[in-house]
Amino acid sequence: MQVALIEYARNVVGMEGANSTEFNKASEFPVVGLITEWVDGEGWLSNALKNLI
């Protein structure tokens, strides 16, 4: 499913550098991120994500 999202971002939306952080952490457009990147060591949402909600 994540590869389908990456392909959609690249080919429909026009984000040529779209990728998953699992495949390329330095992606220009990280459209998929690992859950471990979303939470801190205690399982809480990171501050960066809290600001988006």
PDB file of N, CA and C in Angstrom:
ATOM      1  N   MET A   1       0.817  -1.183   0.000  1.00  0.00           N
ATOM      2  CA  MET A   1       0.000   0.000   0.000  1.00  0.00           C
ATOM      3  C   MET A   1       0.874   1.266   0.000  1.00  0.00           C
ATOM      4  N   GLN A   2       1.976   1.243   0.755  1.00  0.00           N
ATOM      5  CA  GLN A   2       2.805   2.440   0.786  1.00  0.00           C
ATOM      6  C   GLN A   2       3.450   2.702  -0.569  1.00  0.00           C
ATOM      7  N   VAL A   3       3.787   1.656  -1.311  1.00  0.00           N
ATOM      8  CA  VAL A   3       4.381   1.856  -2.632  1.00  0.00           C
ATOM      9  C   VAL A   3       3.358   2.463  -3.581  1.00  0.00           C
ATOM     10  N   ALA A   4       2.090   2.080  -3.445  1.00  0.00           N
ATOM     11  CA  ALA A   4       1.032   2.677  -4.265  1.00  0.00           C
ATOM     12  C   ALA A   4       0.903   4.164  -3.960  1.00  0.00           C
ATOM     13  N   LEU A   5       0.983   4.534  -2.699  1.00  0.00           N
ATOM     14  CA  LEU A   5       0.919   5.944  -2.306  1.00  0.00           C
ATOM     15  C   LEU A   5       2.114   6.724  -2.868  1.00  0.00           C
ATOM     16  N   ILE A   6       3.283   6.132  -2.803  1.00  0.00           N
ATOM     17  CA  ILE A   6       4.482   6.772  -3.344  1.00  0.00           C
ATOM     18  C   ILE A   6       4.324   6.987  -4.848  1.00  0.00           C
ATOM     19  N   GLU A   7       3.854   5.967  -5.554  1.00  0.00           N
ATOM     20  CA  GLU A   7       3.651   6.085  -7.001  1.00  0.00           C
ATOM     21  C   GLU A   7       2.615   7.147  -7.333  1.00  0.00           C
ATOM     22  N   TYR A   8       1.547   7.226  -6.560  1.00  0.00           N
ATOM     23  CA  TYR A   8       0.521   8.252  -6.761  1.00  0.00           C
ATOM     24  C   TYR A   8       1.134   9.640  -6.573  1.00  0.00           C
ATOM     25  N   ALA A   9       1.894   9.810  -5.509  1.00  0.00           N
ATOM     26  CA  ALA A   9       2.524  11.101  -5.239  1.00  0.00           C
ATOM     27  C   ALA A   9       3.464  11.494  -6.368  1.00  0.00           C
ATOM     28  N   ARG A  10       4.201  10.539  -6.883  1.00  0.00           N
ATOM     29  CA  ARG A  10       5.151  10.829  -7.955  1.00  0.00           C
ATOM     30  C   ARG A  10       4.459  11.124  -9.284  1.00  0.00           C
ATOM     31  N   ASN A  11       3.512  10.267  -9.667  1.00  0.00           N
ATOM     32  CA  ASN A  11       2.962  10.313 -11.022  1.00  0.00           C
ATOM     33  C   ASN A  11       1.687  11.128 -11.180  1.00  0.00           C
ATOM     34  N   VAL A  12       0.916  11.309 -10.127  1.00  0.00           N
ATOM     35  CA  VAL A  12      -0.329  12.062 -10.227  1.00  0.00           C
ATOM     36  C   VAL A  12      -0.150  13.468  -9.638  1.00  0.00           C
ATOM     37  N   VAL A  13       0.451  13.528  -8.461  1.00  0.00           N
ATOM     38  CA  VAL A  13       0.618  14.806  -7.777  1.00  0.00           C
ATOM     39  C   VAL A  13       1.834  15.577  -8.315  1.00  0.00           C
ATOM     40  N   GLY A  14       2.794  14.867  -8.875  1.00  0.00           N
ATOM     41  CA  GLY A  14       3.969  15.521  -9.438  1.00  0.00           C
ATOM     42  C   GLY A  14       5.137  15.668  -8.478  1.00  0.00           C
ATOM     43  N   MET A  15       5.124  14.917  -7.397  1.00  0.00           N
ATOM     44  CA  MET A  15       6.222  14.951  -6.423  1.00  0.00           C
ATOM     45  C   MET A  15       7.274  13.918  -6.847  1.00  0.00           C
ATOM     46  N   GLU A  16       8.151  14.308  -7.763  1.00  0.00           N
ATOM     47  CA  GLU A  16       9.107  13.358  -8.344  1.00  0.00           C
ATOM     48  C   GLU A  16      10.015  12.702  -7.312  1.00  0.00           C
ATOM     49  N   GLY A  17      10.322  13.387  -6.228  1.00  0.00           N
ATOM     50  CA  GLY A  17      11.204  12.831  -5.210  1.00  0.00           C
ATOM     51  C   GLY A  17      10.487  12.128  -4.077  1.00  0.00           C
ATOM     52  N   ALA A  18       9.168  11.858  -4.232  1.00  0.00           N
ATOM     53  CA  ALA A  18       8.397  11.221  -3.158  1.00  0.00           C
ATOM     54  C   ALA A  18       8.943   9.840  -2.833  1.00  0.00           C
ATOM     55  N   ASN A  19       8.942   9.508  -1.548  1.00  0.00           N
ATOM     56  CA  ASN A  19       9.420   8.209  -1.106  1.00  0.00           C
ATOM     57  C   ASN A  19       8.960   7.967   0.317  1.00  0.00           C
ATOM     58  N   SER A  20       9.300   6.808   0.846  1.00  0.00           N
ATOM     59  CA  SER A  20       9.071   6.467   2.241  1.00  0.00           C
ATOM     60  C   SER A  20      10.366   6.692   3.004  1.00  0.00           C
ATOM     61  N   THR A  21      10.265   7.129   4.232  1.00  0.00           N
ATOM     62  CA  THR A  21      11.472   7.284   5.038  1.00  0.00           C
ATOM     63  C   THR A  21      12.122   5.928   5.314  1.00  0.00           C
ATOM     64  N   GLU A  22      11.360   4.863   5.147  1.00  0.00           N
ATOM     65  CA  GLU A  22      11.923   3.521   5.293  1.00  0.00           C
ATOM     66  C   GLU A  22      12.923   3.233   4.170  1.00  0.00           C
ATOM     67  N   PHE A  23      12.651   3.757   2.984  1.00  0.00           N
ATOM     68  CA  PHE A  23      13.514   3.518   1.824  1.00  0.00           C
ATOM     69  C   PHE A  23      14.580   4.593   1.660  1.00  0.00           C
ATOM     70  N   ASN A  24      14.225   5.835   2.010  1.00  0.00           N
ATOM     71  CA  ASN A  24      15.142   6.966   1.807  1.00  0.00           C
ATOM     72  C   ASN A  24      14.846   8.045   2.851  1.00  0.00           C
ATOM     73  N   LYS A  25      15.632   8.084   3.897  1.00  0.00           N
ATOM     74  CA  LYS A  25      15.404   9.050   4.985  1.00  0.00           C
ATOM     75  C   LYS A  25      15.586  10.495   4.536  1.00  0.00           C
ATOM     76  N   ALA A  26      16.345  10.719   3.474  1.00  0.00           N
ATOM     77  CA  ALA A  26      16.611  12.074   2.991  1.00  0.00           C
ATOM     78  C   ALA A  26      15.691  12.465   1.833  1.00  0.00           C
ATOM     79  N   SER A  27      14.560  11.785   1.708  1.00  0.00           N
ATOM     80  CA  SER A  27      13.633  12.053   0.606  1.00  0.00           C
ATOM     81  C   SER A  27      13.175  13.503   0.594  1.00  0.00           C
ATOM     82  N   GLU A  28      13.060  14.064  -0.607  1.00  0.00           N
ATOM     83  CA  GLU A  28      12.561  15.435  -0.761  1.00  0.00           C
ATOM     84  C   GLU A  28      11.109  15.529  -0.300  1.00  0.00           C
ATOM     85  N   PHE A  29      10.321  14.493  -0.593  1.00  0.00           N
ATOM     86  CA  PHE A  29       8.916  14.431  -0.194  1.00  0.00           C
ATOM     87  C   PHE A  29       8.667  13.113   0.537  1.00  0.00           C
ATOM     88  N   PRO A  30       8.844  13.065   1.856  1.00  0.00           N
ATOM     89  CA  PRO A  30       8.600  11.817   2.604  1.00  0.00           C
ATOM     90  C   PRO A  30       7.095  11.623   2.834  1.00  0.00           C
ATOM     91  N   VAL A  31       6.420  10.970   1.883  1.00  0.00           N
ATOM     92  CA  VAL A  31       4.966  10.817   1.964  1.00  0.00           C
ATOM     93  C   VAL A  31       4.543   9.669   2.876  1.00  0.00           C
ATOM     94  N   VAL A  32       5.478   8.805   3.249  1.00  0.00           N
ATOM     95  CA  VAL A  32       5.211   7.707   4.183  1.00  0.00           C
ATOM     96  C   VAL A  32       6.310   7.737   5.237  1.00  0.00           C
ATOM     97  N   GLY A  33       5.918   7.681   6.509  1.00  0.00           N
ATOM     98  CA  GLY A  33       6.884   7.654   7.592  1.00  0.00           C
ATOM     99  C   GLY A  33       6.628   6.474   8.513  1.00  0.00           C
ATOM    100  N   LEU A  34       7.668   5.959   9.107  1.00  0.00           N
ATOM    101  CA  LEU A  34       7.528   4.841  10.043  1.00  0.00           C
ATOM    102  C   LEU A  34       6.909   5.321  11.350  1.00  0.00           C
ATOM    103  N   ILE A  35       6.090   4.502  11.975  1.00  0.00           N
ATOM    104  CA  ILE A  35       5.442   4.864  13.229  1.00  0.00           C
ATOM    105  C   ILE A  35       6.481   5.185  14.304  1.00  0.00           C
ATOM    106  N   THR A  36       7.631   4.547  14.228  1.00  0.00           N
ATOM    107  CA  THR A  36       8.681   4.825  15.210  1.00  0.00           C
ATOM    108  C   THR A  36       9.212   6.248  15.085  1.00  0.00           C
ATOM    109  N   GLU A  37       8.979   6.890  13.959  1.00  0.00           N
ATOM    110  CA  GLU A  37       9.380   8.280  13.770  1.00  0.00           C
ATOM    111  C   GLU A  37       8.325   9.248  14.301  1.00  0.00           C
ATOM    112  N   TRP A  38       7.149   8.760  14.610  1.00  0.00           N
ATOM    113  CA  TRP A  38       6.034   9.591  15.061  1.00  0.00           C
ATOM    114  C   TRP A  38       5.957   9.711  16.574  1.00  0.00           C
ATOM    115  N   VAL A  39       6.519   8.750  17.283  1.00  0.00           N
ATOM    116  CA  VAL A  39       6.377   8.720  18.739  1.00  0.00           C
ATOM    117  C   VAL A  39       7.734   8.821  19.415  1.00  0.00           C
ATOM    118  N   ASP A  40       7.692   9.293  20.659  1.00  0.00           N
ATOM    119  CA  ASP A  40       8.933   9.354  21.422  1.00  0.00           C
ATOM    120  C   ASP A  40       9.176   8.009  22.098  1.00  0.00           C
ATOM    121  N   GLY A  41      10.159   7.915  22.937  1.00  0.00           N
ATOM    122  CA  GLY A  41      10.516   6.663  23.595  1.00  0.00           C
ATOM    123  C   GLY A  41       9.443   6.108  24.508  1.00  0.00           C
ATOM    124  N   GLU A  42       8.498   6.955  24.935  1.00  0.00           N
ATOM    125  CA  GLU A  42       7.437   6.513  25.831  1.00  0.00           C
ATOM    126  C   GLU A  42       6.126   6.218  25.098  1.00  0.00           C
ATOM    127  N   GLY A  43       6.137   6.351  23.776  1.00  0.00           N
ATOM    128  CA  GLY A  43       4.942   6.049  23.006  1.00  0.00           C
ATOM    129  C   GLY A  43       4.024   7.231  22.750  1.00  0.00           C
ATOM    130  N   TRP A  44       4.461   8.446  23.100  1.00  0.00           N
ATOM    131  CA  TRP A  44       3.664   9.649  22.880  1.00  0.00           C
ATOM    132  C   TRP A  44       4.008  10.258  21.535  1.00  0.00           C
ATOM    133  N   LEU A  45       3.053  10.958  20.937  1.00  0.00           N
ATOM    134  CA  LEU A  45       3.318  11.663  19.687  1.00  0.00           C
ATOM    135  C   LEU A  45       4.429  12.674  19.886  1.00  0.00           C
ATOM    136  N   SER A  46       5.284  12.778  18.891  1.00  0.00           N
ATOM    137  CA  SER A  46       6.364  13.760  18.978  1.00  0.00           C
ATOM    138  C   SER A  46       5.793  15.171  18.929  1.00  0.00           C
ATOM    139  N   ASN A  47       6.531  16.122  19.436  1.00  0.00           N
ATOM    140  CA  ASN A  47       6.076  17.520  19.452  1.00  0.00           C
ATOM    141  C   ASN A  47       5.822  18.045  18.047  1.00  0.00           C
ATOM    142  N   ALA A  48       6.633  17.622  17.079  1.00  0.00           N
ATOM    143  CA  ALA A  48       6.442  18.079  15.706  1.00  0.00           C
ATOM    144  C   ALA A  48       5.078  17.674  15.183  1.00  0.00           C
ATOM    145  N   LEU A  49       4.634  16.461  15.505  1.00  0.00           N
ATOM    146  CA  LEU A  49       3.323  15.998  15.041  1.00  0.00           C
ATOM    147  C   LEU A  49       2.187  16.644  15.813  1.00  0.00           C
ATOM    148  N   LYS A  50       2.393  16.896  17.079  1.00  0.00           N
ATOM    149  CA  LYS A  50       1.345  17.546  17.872  1.00  0.00           C
ATOM    150  C   LYS A  50       1.000  18.903  17.271  1.00  0.00           C
ATOM    151  N   ASN A  51       1.975  19.583  16.718  1.00  0.00           N
ATOM    152  CA  ASN A  51       1.737  20.880  16.110  1.00  0.00           C
ATOM    153  C   ASN A  51       0.914  20.786  14.826  1.00  0.00           C
ATOM    154  N   LEU A  52       0.907  19.620  14.191  1.00  0.00           N
ATOM    155  CA  LEU A  52       0.151  19.435  12.956  1.00  0.00           C
ATOM    156  C   LEU A  52      -1.311  19.086  13.211  1.00  0.00           C
ATOM    157  N   ILE A  53      -1.603  18.583  14.391  1.00  0.00           N
ATOM    158  CA  ILE A  53      -2.963  18.112  14.706  1.00  0.00           C
ATOM    159  C   ILE A  53      -3.846  19.259  15.134  1.00  0.00           C
TER     160      ILE A  53
END
